[in-house]
């Protein structure tokens, strides 16, 4: 979902795969605009890999905004609590 601070990751759960319930603490984190997640049997965790945007000081700020594309990695044992849990507020003036 697109919010004023960026795109949000929302979590849902189901015991039967047909009836789904939205997680009461959504969004679980805010991040970039492309993502993927999978369950890792080796790590016994969900692994998230996303393409986000990070504010930075560019040498040539006239080329779009003062930001760059970054890859973000997060992990979670349950899909609700993610590490790291800090949001990526790329739309704010925070570097």
Protein backbone atom coordinates (compact mmCIF):
# COMPACT_ATOMS: atom_id res chain seq x y z
CA UNK A 1 0.00 0.00 0.00
CA UNK A 2 1.28 3.48 -0.84
CA UNK A 3 1.26 5.87 2.15
CA UNK A 4 2.61 9.42 2.62
CA UNK A 5 5.90 7.92 3.92
CA UNK A 6 6.36 5.32 1.18
CA UNK A 7 5.08 1.85 0.48
CA UNK A 8 3.89 -0.35 3.33
CA UNK A 9 4.13 -4.07 3.98
CA UNK A 10 0.90 -5.45 5.41
CA UNK A 11 0.60 -8.91 6.98
CA UNK A 12 -2.36 -11.27 7.02
CA UNK A 13 -2.77 -14.69 8.61
CA UNK A 14 -4.91 -17.75 7.95
CA UNK A 15 -5.26 -21.13 9.60
CA UNK A 16 -6.83 -22.77 6.54
CA UNK A 17 -5.53 -20.73 3.57
CA UNK A 18 -9.03 -19.59 2.66
CA UNK A 19 -10.12 -17.23 5.44
CA UNK A 20 -7.63 -14.43 6.09
CA UNK A 21 -7.34 -11.95 8.97
CA UNK A 22 -5.44 -8.66 8.78
CA UNK A 23 -2.69 -8.23 11.39
CA UNK A 24 -3.82 -5.67 13.97
CA UNK A 25 -0.47 -3.83 13.97
CA UNK A 26 -0.23 -3.25 10.21
CA UNK A 27 1.79 -2.04 8.50
CA UNK A 28 4.62 -4.28 9.71
CA UNK A 29 7.15 -1.94 8.06
CA UNK A 30 7.48 0.79 5.43
CA UNK A 31 9.87 0.28 2.55
CA UNK A 32 10.49 0.77 -1.14
CA UNK A 33 8.37 -0.12 -4.12
CA UNK A 34 9.53 -3.62 -5.17
CA UNK A 35 9.77 -6.62 -2.91
CA UNK A 36 9.91 -10.34 -2.48
CA UNK A 37 9.78 -12.63 0.53
CA UNK A 38 10.18 -16.34 1.11
CA UNK A 39 10.41 -18.86 3.91
CA UNK A 40 13.96 -20.12 4.40
CA UNK A 41 14.03 -23.69 5.78
CA UNK A 42 17.76 -23.31 6.50
CA UNK A 43 17.32 -20.10 8.53
CA UNK A 44 13.85 -21.05 9.84
CA UNK A 45 12.74 -17.48 9.09
CA UNK A 46 11.01 -15.41 6.47
CA UNK A 47 13.56 -13.47 4.44
CA UNK A 48 12.56 -10.19 2.77
CA UNK A 49 14.52 -8.59 -0.04
CA UNK A 50 13.31 -5.28 -1.34
CA UNK A 51 14.33 -2.53 -3.68
CA UNK A 52 13.97 0.70 -1.78
CA UNK A 53 15.00 4.30 -1.91
CA UNK A 54 17.48 5.92 0.47
CA UNK A 55 18.06 9.65 0.84
CA UNK A 56 21.64 10.69 0.14
CA UNK A 57 23.72 13.66 -0.94
CA UNK A 58 24.36 13.28 -4.66
CA UNK A 59 27.14 14.93 -6.58
CA UNK A 60 24.63 15.85 -9.28
CA UNK A 61 21.34 16.60 -7.50
CA UNK A 62 19.79 17.89 -10.72
CA UNK A 63 19.47 14.22 -11.75
CA UNK A 64 16.11 13.47 -10.11
CA UNK A 65 15.99 13.70 -6.29
CA UNK A 66 18.70 13.39 -3.65
CA UNK A 67 18.15 9.66 -3.30
CA UNK A 68 19.47 6.34 -4.55
CA UNK A 69 18.13 2.84 -5.06
CA UNK A 70 19.17 0.32 -2.40
CA UNK A 71 18.52 -3.33 -1.63
CA UNK A 72 17.04 -3.95 1.79
CA UNK A 73 17.20 -7.26 3.64
CA UNK A 74 14.97 -8.09 6.59
CA UNK A 75 14.06 -11.30 8.36
CA UNK A 76 11.23 -12.48 10.57
CA UNK A 77 10.42 -15.68 12.46
CA UNK A 78 6.66 -15.12 12.09
CA UNK A 79 6.07 -12.58 9.29
CA UNK A 80 4.86 -9.95 11.77
CA UNK A 81 7.98 -8.82 13.65
CA UNK A 82 10.82 -7.87 11.28
CA UNK A 83 14.52 -7.20 11.89
CA UNK A 84 15.58 -4.52 11.33
CA UNK A 85 12.28 -2.86 12.16
CA UNK A 86 13.25 0.73 11.35
CA UNK A 87 11.15 2.18 8.52
CA UNK A 88 12.67 3.70 5.42
CA UNK A 89 11.21 7.21 5.43
CA UNK A 90 12.63 8.15 2.06
CA UNK A 91 9.89 10.69 1.34
CA UNK A 92 10.81 12.73 4.40
CA UNK A 93 13.80 15.06 4.49
CA UNK A 94 15.74 12.58 6.64
CA UNK A 95 19.09 11.25 5.46
